Amino acid sequence: MPTVWLVDRQFDSKGLVRLTYATEDGERVHTKELAEQRLVTGDGITAGREVDETALGETPADEVERFATEASKMAAEHDLDDRV
């Protein structure tokens, strides 16, 4: 299974958090949405995760470089299961 690293989090007005994880080359992404409340009451957000190949999408062309930089930085500084 491919490994992806947290590269972006966005909060919306409805109390949802959209987490974006990317491969180290920035080419593929995995997104996950969860309730903002879960950040407080849950186990937190991990620096990385392993996902099934079918759960990956293509990164928008204008985000590839940024996501590659962020994913590489997270991979160098954290273990997959580190809470961030």
PDB file of N, CA and C in Angstrom:
ATOM      1  N   MET A   1       0.837  -1.183   0.000  1.00  0.00           N
ATOM      2  CA  MET A   1       0.000   0.000   0.000  1.00  0.00           C
ATOM      3  C   MET A   1       0.884   1.249   0.000  1.00  0.00           C
ATOM      4  N   PRO A   2       0.507   2.235  -0.776  1.00  0.00           N
ATOM      5  CA  PRO A   2       1.280   3.480  -0.824  1.00  0.00           C
ATOM      6  C   PRO A   2       1.197   4.245   0.506  1.00  0.00           C
ATOM      7  N   THR A   3       2.265   4.951   0.815  1.00  0.00           N
ATOM      8  CA  THR A   3       2.316   5.808   1.989  1.00  0.00           C
ATOM      9  C   THR A   3       2.071   7.246   1.555  1.00  0.00           C
ATOM     10  N   VAL A   4       1.222   7.934   2.298  1.00  0.00           N
ATOM     11  CA  VAL A   4       0.935   9.347   2.031  1.00  0.00           C
ATOM     12  C   VAL A   4       1.175  10.143   3.308  1.00  0.00           C
ATOM     13  N   TRP A   5       1.466  11.425   3.143  1.00  0.00           N
ATOM     14  CA  TRP A   5       1.820  12.309   4.249  1.00  0.00           C
ATOM     15  C   TRP A   5       0.915  13.525   4.259  1.00  0.00           C
ATOM     16  N   LEU A   6       0.584  14.001   5.458  1.00  0.00           N
ATOM     17  CA  LEU A   6      -0.296  15.151   5.600  1.00  0.00           C
ATOM     18  C   LEU A   6       0.345  16.386   4.989  1.00  0.00           C
ATOM     19  N   VAL A   7      -0.364  17.018   4.069  1.00  0.00           N
ATOM     20  CA  VAL A   7       0.168  18.206   3.401  1.00  0.00           C
ATOM     21  C   VAL A   7      -0.733  19.431   3.541  1.00  0.00           C
ATOM     22  N   ASP A   8      -1.998  19.224   3.951  1.00  0.00           N
ATOM     23  CA  ASP A   8      -2.911  20.366   4.032  1.00  0.00           C
ATOM     24  C   ASP A   8      -4.100  20.007   4.908  1.00  0.00           C
ATOM     25  N   ARG A   9      -4.608  20.994   5.660  1.00  0.00           N
ATOM     26  CA  ARG A   9      -5.880  20.842   6.383  1.00  0.00           C
ATOM     27  C   ARG A   9      -6.674  22.115   6.195  1.00  0.00           C
ATOM     28  N   GLN A  10      -7.943  21.924   5.919  1.00  0.00           N
ATOM     29  CA  GLN A  10      -8.829  23.058   5.718  1.00  0.00           C
ATOM     30  C   GLN A  10     -10.061  22.880   6.590  1.00  0.00           C
ATOM     31  N   PHE A  11     -10.456  23.967   7.250  1.00  0.00           N
ATOM     32  CA  PHE A  11     -11.635  23.968   8.097  1.00  0.00           C
ATOM     33  C   PHE A  11     -12.742  24.703   7.369  1.00  0.00           C
ATOM     34  N   ASP A  12     -13.975  24.190   7.452  1.00  0.00           N
ATOM     35  CA  ASP A  12     -15.076  24.903   6.824  1.00  0.00           C
ATOM     36  C   ASP A  12     -16.049  25.414   7.882  1.00  0.00           C
ATOM     37  N   SER A  13     -17.015  26.185   7.450  1.00  0.00           N
ATOM     38  CA  SER A  13     -17.962  26.807   8.375  1.00  0.00           C
ATOM     39  C   SER A  13     -18.964  25.819   8.964  1.00  0.00           C
ATOM     40  N   LYS A  14     -18.998  24.606   8.470  1.00  0.00           N
ATOM     41  CA  LYS A  14     -19.927  23.595   8.968  1.00  0.00           C
ATOM     42  C   LYS A  14     -19.299  22.679  10.011  1.00  0.00           C
ATOM     43  N   GLY A  15     -18.082  23.000  10.435  1.00  0.00           N
ATOM     44  CA  GLY A  15     -17.420  22.204  11.458  1.00  0.00           C
ATOM     45  C   GLY A  15     -16.720  20.972  10.923  1.00  0.00           C
ATOM     46  N   LEU A  16     -16.424  20.961   9.624  1.00  0.00           N
ATOM     47  CA  LEU A  16     -15.693  19.844   9.036  1.00  0.00           C
ATOM     48  C   LEU A  16     -14.245  20.228   8.773  1.00  0.00           C
ATOM     49  N   VAL A  17     -13.376  19.240   8.871  1.00  0.00           N
ATOM     50  CA  VAL A  17     -11.965  19.427   8.553  1.00  0.00           C
ATOM     51  C   VAL A  17     -11.656  18.512   7.376  1.00  0.00           C
ATOM     52  N   ARG A  18     -11.061  19.079   6.341  1.00  0.00           N
ATOM     53  CA  ARG A  18     -10.646  18.290   5.177  1.00  0.00           C
ATOM     54  C   ARG A  18      -9.138  18.128   5.252  1.00  0.00           C
ATOM     55  N   LEU A  19      -8.700  16.880   5.395  1.00  0.00           N
ATOM     56  CA  LEU A  19      -7.280  16.558   5.460  1.00  0.00           C
ATOM     57  C   LEU A  19      -6.820  16.068   4.102  1.00  0.00           C
ATOM     58  N   THR A  20      -5.713  16.589   3.642  1.00  0.00           N
ATOM     59  CA  THR A  20      -5.147  16.143   2.378  1.00  0.00           C
ATOM     60  C   THR A  20      -3.790  15.521   2.648  1.00  0.00           C
ATOM     61  N   TYR A  21      -3.647  14.283   2.230  1.00  0.00           N
ATOM     62  CA  TYR A  21      -2.384  13.545   2.325  1.00  0.00           C
ATOM     63  C   TYR A  21      -1.874  13.344   0.905  1.00  0.00           C
ATOM     64  N   ALA A  22      -0.554  13.372   0.719  1.00  0.00           N
ATOM     65  CA  ALA A  22       0.020  13.192  -0.615  1.00  0.00           C
ATOM     66  C   ALA A  22       1.227  12.265  -0.561  1.00  0.00           C
ATOM     67  N   THR A  23       1.499  11.651  -1.705  1.00  0.00           N
ATOM     68  CA  THR A  23       2.718  10.855  -1.845  1.00  0.00           C
ATOM     69  C   THR A  23       3.912  11.809  -1.842  1.00  0.00           C
ATOM     70  N   GLU A  24       5.092  11.294  -1.568  1.00  0.00           N
ATOM     71  CA  GLU A  24       6.274  12.163  -1.487  1.00  0.00           C
ATOM     72  C   GLU A  24       6.603  12.867  -2.795  1.00  0.00           C
ATOM     73  N   ASP A  25       6.191  12.299  -3.914  1.00  0.00           N
ATOM     74  CA  ASP A  25       6.445  12.982  -5.191  1.00  0.00           C
ATOM     75  C   ASP A  25       5.370  14.026  -5.492  1.00  0.00           C
ATOM     76  N   GLY A  26       4.335  14.091  -4.641  1.00  0.00           N
ATOM     77  CA  GLY A  26       3.280  15.082  -4.807  1.00  0.00           C
ATOM     78  C   GLY A  26       2.272  14.767  -5.893  1.00  0.00           C
ATOM     79  N   GLU A  27       2.441  13.669  -6.587  1.00  0.00           N
ATOM     80  CA  GLU A  27       1.604  13.348  -7.743  1.00  0.00           C
ATOM     81  C   GLU A  27       0.228  12.784  -7.396  1.00  0.00           C
ATOM     82  N   ARG A  28       0.111  12.117  -6.241  1.00  0.00           N
ATOM     83  CA  ARG A  28      -1.138  11.456  -5.867  1.00  0.00           C
ATOM     84  C   ARG A  28      -1.598  11.949  -4.502  1.00  0.00           C
ATOM     85  N   VAL A  29      -2.914  12.059  -4.334  1.00  0.00           N
ATOM     86  CA  VAL A  29      -3.462  12.548  -3.072  1.00  0.00           C
ATOM     87  C   VAL A  29      -4.562  11.646  -2.532  1.00  0.00           C
ATOM     88  N   HIS A  30      -4.746  11.761  -1.238  1.00  0.00           N
ATOM     89  CA  HIS A  30      -5.834  11.085  -0.534  1.00  0.00           C
ATOM     90  C   HIS A  30      -6.458  12.127   0.383  1.00  0.00           C
ATOM     91  N   THR A  31      -7.770  12.291   0.319  1.00  0.00           N
ATOM     92  CA  THR A  31      -8.430  13.253   1.188  1.00  0.00           C
ATOM     93  C   THR A  31      -9.367  12.537   2.148  1.00  0.00           C
ATOM     94  N   LYS A  32      -9.517  13.151   3.304  1.00  0.00           N
ATOM     95  CA  LYS A  32     -10.374  12.598   4.342  1.00  0.00           C
ATOM     96  C   LYS A  32     -11.068  13.766   5.019  1.00  0.00           C
ATOM     97  N   GLU A  33     -12.362  13.634   5.259  1.00  0.00           N
ATOM     98  CA  GLU A  33     -13.100  14.666   5.974  1.00  0.00           C
ATOM     99  C   GLU A  33     -13.570  14.104   7.298  1.00  0.00           C
ATOM    100  N   LEU A  34     -13.485  14.941   8.333  1.00  0.00           N
ATOM    101  CA  LEU A  34     -13.984  14.528   9.624  1.00  0.00           C
ATOM    102  C   LEU A  34     -14.509  15.740  10.378  1.00  0.00           C
ATOM    103  N   ALA A  35     -15.337  15.481  11.371  1.00  0.00           N
ATOM    104  CA  ALA A  35     -15.885  16.553  12.178  1.00  0.00           C
ATOM    105  C   ALA A  35     -14.778  17.202  12.995  1.00  0.00           C
ATOM    106  N   GLU A  36     -14.808  18.523  13.074  1.00  0.00           N
ATOM    107  CA  GLU A  36     -13.803  19.258  13.833  1.00  0.00           C
ATOM    108  C   GLU A  36     -13.774  18.786  15.288  1.00  0.00           C
ATOM    109  N   GLN A  37     -14.912  18.436  15.829  1.00  0.00           N
ATOM    110  CA  GLN A  37     -15.004  17.952  17.206  1.00  0.00           C
ATOM    111  C   GLN A  37     -14.139  16.704  17.416  1.00  0.00           C
ATOM    112  N   ARG A  38     -14.010  15.912  16.383  1.00  0.00           N
ATOM    113  CA  ARG A  38     -13.218  14.687  16.480  1.00  0.00           C
ATOM    114  C   ARG A  38     -11.734  14.977  16.702  1.00  0.00           C
ATOM    115  N   LEU A  39     -11.285  16.156  16.289  1.00  0.00           N
ATOM    116  CA  LEU A  39      -9.898  16.541  16.551  1.00  0.00           C
ATOM    117  C   LEU A  39      -9.654  16.668  18.050  1.00  0.00           C
ATOM    118  N   VAL A  40     -10.682  17.098  18.759  1.00  0.00           N
ATOM    119  CA  VAL A  40     -10.565  17.297  20.202  1.00  0.00           C
ATOM    120  C   VAL A  40     -10.766  15.989  20.962  1.00  0.00           C
ATOM    121  N   THR A  41     -11.753  15.215  20.551  1.00  0.00           N
ATOM    122  CA  THR A  41     -12.119  14.012  21.302  1.00  0.00           C
ATOM    123  C   THR A  41     -11.483  12.731  20.772  1.00  0.00           C
ATOM    124  N   GLY A  42     -10.982  12.760  19.559  1.00  0.00           N
ATOM    125  CA  GLY A  42     -10.415  11.551  18.954  1.00  0.00           C
ATOM    126  C   GLY A  42      -8.944  11.373  19.252  1.00  0.00           C
ATOM    127  N   ASP A  43      -8.330  10.512  18.486  1.00  0.00           N
ATOM    128  CA  ASP A  43      -6.914  10.205  18.661  1.00  0.00           C
ATOM    129  C   ASP A  43      -5.993  11.216  18.000  1.00  0.00           C
ATOM    130  N   GLY A  44      -6.547  12.212  17.338  1.00  0.00           N
ATOM    131  CA  GLY A  44      -5.735  13.201  16.649  1.00  0.00           C
ATOM    132  C   GLY A  44      -5.479  12.817  15.204  1.00  0.00           C
ATOM    133  N   ILE A  45      -4.629  13.575  14.577  1.00  0.00           N
ATOM    134  CA  ILE A  45      -4.306  13.384  13.168  1.00  0.00           C
ATOM    135  C   ILE A  45      -2.879  12.863  13.081  1.00  0.00           C
ATOM    136  N   THR A  46      -2.680  11.850  12.261  1.00  0.00           N
ATOM    137  CA  THR A  46      -1.335  11.300  12.109  1.00  0.00           C
ATOM    138  C   THR A  46      -0.592  11.994  10.960  1.00  0.00           C
ATOM    139  N   ALA A  47       0.722  11.982  11.067  1.00  0.00           N
ATOM    140  CA  ALA A  47       1.575  12.607  10.059  1.00  0.00           C
ATOM    141  C   ALA A  47       1.449  11.918   8.709  1.00  0.00           C
ATOM    142  N   GLY A  48       1.228  10.626   8.741  1.00  0.00           N
ATOM    143  CA  GLY A  48       1.121   9.870   7.501  1.00  0.00           C
ATOM    144  C   GLY A  48       0.208   8.684   7.678  1.00  0.00           C
ATOM    145  N   ARG A  49      -0.016   7.996   6.593  1.00  0.00           N
ATOM    146  CA  ARG A  49      -0.844   6.797   6.636  1.00  0.00           C
ATOM    147  C   ARG A  49      -0.598   5.979   5.387  1.00  0.00           C
ATOM    148  N   GLU A  50      -0.936   4.716   5.478  1.00  0.00           N
ATOM    149  CA  GLU A  50      -0.883   3.848   4.311  1.00  0.00           C
ATOM    150  C   GLU A  50      -2.308   3.699   3.800  1.00  0.00           C
ATOM    151  N   VAL A  51      -2.486   3.863   2.502  1.00  0.00           N
ATOM    152  CA  VAL A  51      -3.815   3.781   1.909  1.00  0.00           C
ATOM    153  C   VAL A  51      -3.797   2.845   0.712  1.00  0.00           C
ATOM    154  N   ASP A  52      -4.941   2.310   0.422  1.00  0.00           N
ATOM    155  CA  ASP A  52      -5.087   1.463  -0.751  1.00  0.00           C
ATOM    156  C   ASP A  52      -4.885   2.308  -2.009  1.00  0.00           C
ATOM    157  N   GLU A  53      -4.286   1.724  -3.000  1.00  0.00           N
ATOM    158  CA  GLU A  53      -4.039   2.413  -4.278  1.00  0.00           C
ATOM    159  C   GLU A  53      -5.321   3.024  -4.854  1.00  0.00           C
ATOM    160  N   THR A  54      -6.434   2.342  -4.658  1.00  0.00           N
ATOM    161  CA  THR A  54      -7.706   2.829  -5.211  1.00  0.00           C
ATOM    162  C   THR A  54      -8.228   4.068  -4.488  1.00  0.00           C
ATOM    163  N   ALA A  55      -7.659   4.395  -3.322  1.00  0.00           N
ATOM    164  CA  ALA A  55      -8.086   5.569  -2.561  1.00  0.00           C
ATOM    165  C   ALA A  55      -7.307   6.824  -2.943  1.00  0.00           C
ATOM    166  N   LEU A  56      -6.417   6.708  -3.911  1.00  0.00           N
ATOM    167  CA  LEU A  56      -5.602   7.841  -4.339  1.00  0.00           C
ATOM    168  C   LEU A  56      -6.158   8.488  -5.597  1.00  0.00           C
ATOM    169  N   GLY A  57      -6.083   9.805  -5.621  1.00  0.00           N
ATOM    170  CA  GLY A  57      -6.468  10.552  -6.812  1.00  0.00           C
ATOM    171  C   GLY A  57      -5.279  11.341  -7.319  1.00  0.00           C
ATOM    172  N   GLU A  58      -5.453  11.968  -8.458  1.00  0.00           N
ATOM    173  CA  GLU A  58      -4.385  12.789  -9.023  1.00  0.00           C
ATOM    174  C   GLU A  58      -4.393  14.167  -8.385  1.00  0.00           C
ATOM    175  N   THR A  59      -3.214  14.675  -8.128  1.00  0.00           N
ATOM    176  CA  THR A  59      -3.068  16.007  -7.557  1.00  0.00           C
ATOM    177  C   THR A  59      -3.286  17.047  -8.655  1.00  0.00           C
ATOM    178  N   PRO A  60      -4.015  18.130  -8.351  1.00  0.00           N
ATOM    179  CA  PRO A  60      -4.123  19.213  -9.330  1.00  0.00           C
ATOM    180  C   PRO A  60      -2.724  19.707  -9.704  1.00  0.00           C
ATOM    181  N   ALA A  61      -2.503  19.975 -10.962  1.00  0.00           N
ATOM    182  CA  ALA A  61      -1.174  20.338 -11.472  1.00  0.00           C
ATOM    183  C   ALA A  61      -0.540  21.494 -10.709  1.00  0.00           C
ATOM    184  N   ASP A  62      -1.336  22.468 -10.295  1.00  0.00           N
ATOM    185  CA  ASP A  62      -0.779  23.634  -9.609  1.00  0.00           C
ATOM    186  C   ASP A  62      -0.403  23.358  -8.150  1.00  0.00           C
ATOM    187  N   GLU A  63      -0.693  22.161  -7.641  1.00  0.00           N
ATOM    188  CA  GLU A  63      -0.372  21.808  -6.258  1.00  0.00           C
ATOM    189  C   GLU A  63       0.729  20.755  -6.133  1.00  0.00           C
ATOM    190  N   VAL A  64       1.147  20.140  -7.228  1.00  0.00           N
ATOM    191  CA  VAL A  64       2.111  19.034  -7.175  1.00  0.00           C
ATOM    192  C   VAL A  64       3.400  19.434  -6.463  1.00  0.00           C
ATOM    193  N   GLU A  65       3.990  20.531  -6.834  1.00  0.00           N
ATOM    194  CA  GLU A  65       5.266  20.943  -6.248  1.00  0.00           C
ATOM    195  C   GLU A  65       5.122  21.226  -4.749  1.00  0.00           C
ATOM    196  N   ARG A  66       4.077  21.942  -4.367  1.00  0.00           N
ATOM    197  CA  ARG A  66       3.859  22.254  -2.950  1.00  0.00           C
ATOM    198  C   ARG A  66       3.619  20.983  -2.144  1.00  0.00           C
ATOM    199  N   PHE A  67       2.783  20.088  -2.666  1.00  0.00           N
ATOM    200  CA  PHE A  67       2.493  18.850  -1.955  1.00  0.00           C
ATOM    201  C   PHE A  67       3.740  17.970  -1.844  1.00  0.00           C
ATOM    202  N   ALA A  68       4.560  17.933  -2.880  1.00  0.00           N
ATOM    203  CA  ALA A  68       5.801  17.148  -2.828  1.00  0.00           C
ATOM    204  C   ALA A  68       6.726  17.696  -1.750  1.00  0.00           C
ATOM    205  N   THR A  69       6.842  19.006  -1.679  1.00  0.00           N
ATOM    206  CA  THR A  69       7.692  19.636  -0.668  1.00  0.00           C
ATOM    207  C   THR A  69       7.181  19.323   0.738  1.00  0.00           C
ATOM    208  N   GLU A  70       5.877  19.504   0.945  1.00  0.00           N
ATOM    209  CA  GLU A  70       5.292  19.263   2.271  1.00  0.00           C
ATOM    210  C   GLU A  70       5.363  17.786   2.667  1.00  0.00           C
ATOM    211  N   ALA A  71       5.067  16.900   1.738  1.00  0.00           N
ATOM    212  CA  ALA A  71       5.096  15.464   2.042  1.00  0.00           C
ATOM    213  C   ALA A  71       6.512  15.004   2.373  1.00  0.00           C
ATOM    214  N   SER A  72       7.488  15.467   1.625  1.00  0.00           N
ATOM    215  CA  SER A  72       8.883  15.097   1.890  1.00  0.00           C
ATOM    216  C   SER A  72       9.337  15.612   3.249  1.00  0.00           C
ATOM    217  N   LYS A  73       8.906  16.810   3.587  1.00  0.00           N
ATOM    218  CA  LYS A  73       9.251  17.402   4.876  1.00  0.00           C
ATOM    219  C   LYS A  73       8.635  16.590   6.019  1.00  0.00           C
ATOM    220  N   MET A  74       7.366  16.234   5.890  1.00  0.00           N
ATOM    221  CA  MET A  74       6.697  15.433   6.922  1.00  0.00           C
ATOM    222  C   MET A  74       7.371  14.070   7.064  1.00  0.00           C
ATOM    223  N   ALA A  75       7.720  13.449   5.948  1.00  0.00           N
ATOM    224  CA  ALA A  75       8.355  12.121   5.981  1.00  0.00           C
ATOM    225  C   ALA A  75       9.712  12.179   6.669  1.00  0.00           C
ATOM    226  N   ALA A  76      10.440  13.263   6.458  1.00  0.00           N
ATOM    227  CA  ALA A  76      11.770  13.408   7.064  1.00  0.00           C
ATOM    228  C   ALA A  76      11.696  13.693   8.561  1.00  0.00           C
ATOM    229  N   GLU A  77      10.625  14.360   8.995  1.00  0.00           N
ATOM    230  CA  GLU A  77      10.529  14.805  10.384  1.00  0.00           C
ATOM    231  C   GLU A  77       9.672  13.924  11.282  1.00  0.00           C
ATOM    232  N   HIS A  78       8.856  13.044  10.703  1.00  0.00           N
ATOM    233  CA  HIS A  78       7.889  12.289  11.502  1.00  0.00           C
ATOM    234  C   HIS A  78       7.824  10.822  11.096  1.00  0.00           C
ATOM    235  N   ASP A  79       7.367  10.007  12.038  1.00  0.00           N
ATOM    236  CA  ASP A  79       6.966   8.636  11.735  1.00  0.00           C
ATOM    237  C   ASP A  79       5.507   8.686  11.309  1.00  0.00           C
ATOM    238  N   LEU A  80       5.058   7.645  10.616  1.00  0.00           N
ATOM    239  CA  LEU A  80       3.668   7.606  10.130  1.00  0.00           C
ATOM    240  C   LEU A  80       2.650   7.873  11.222  1.00  0.00           C
ATOM    241  N   ASP A  81       2.831   7.273  12.374  1.00  0.00           N
ATOM    242  CA  ASP A  81       1.826   7.368  13.417  1.00  0.00           C
ATOM    243  C   ASP A  81       2.030   8.514  14.396  1.00  0.00           C
ATOM    244  N   ASP A  82       2.963   9.423  14.120  1.00  0.00           N
ATOM    245  CA  ASP A  82       3.118  10.618  14.960  1.00  0.00           C
ATOM    246  C   ASP A  82       1.869  11.470  14.873  1.00  0.00           C
ATOM    247  N   ARG A  83       1.426  11.983  16.007  1.00  0.00           N
ATOM    248  CA  ARG A  83       0.273  12.897  16.029  1.00  0.00           C
ATOM    249  C   ARG A  83       0.756  14.302  15.713  1.00  0.00           C
ATOM    250  N   VAL A  84       0.088  14.950  14.787  1.00  0.00           N
ATOM    251  CA  VAL A  84       0.470  16.310  14.388  1.00  0.00           C
ATOM    252  C   VAL A  84      -0.702  17.265  14.462  1.00  0.00           C
TER     253      VAL A  84
END
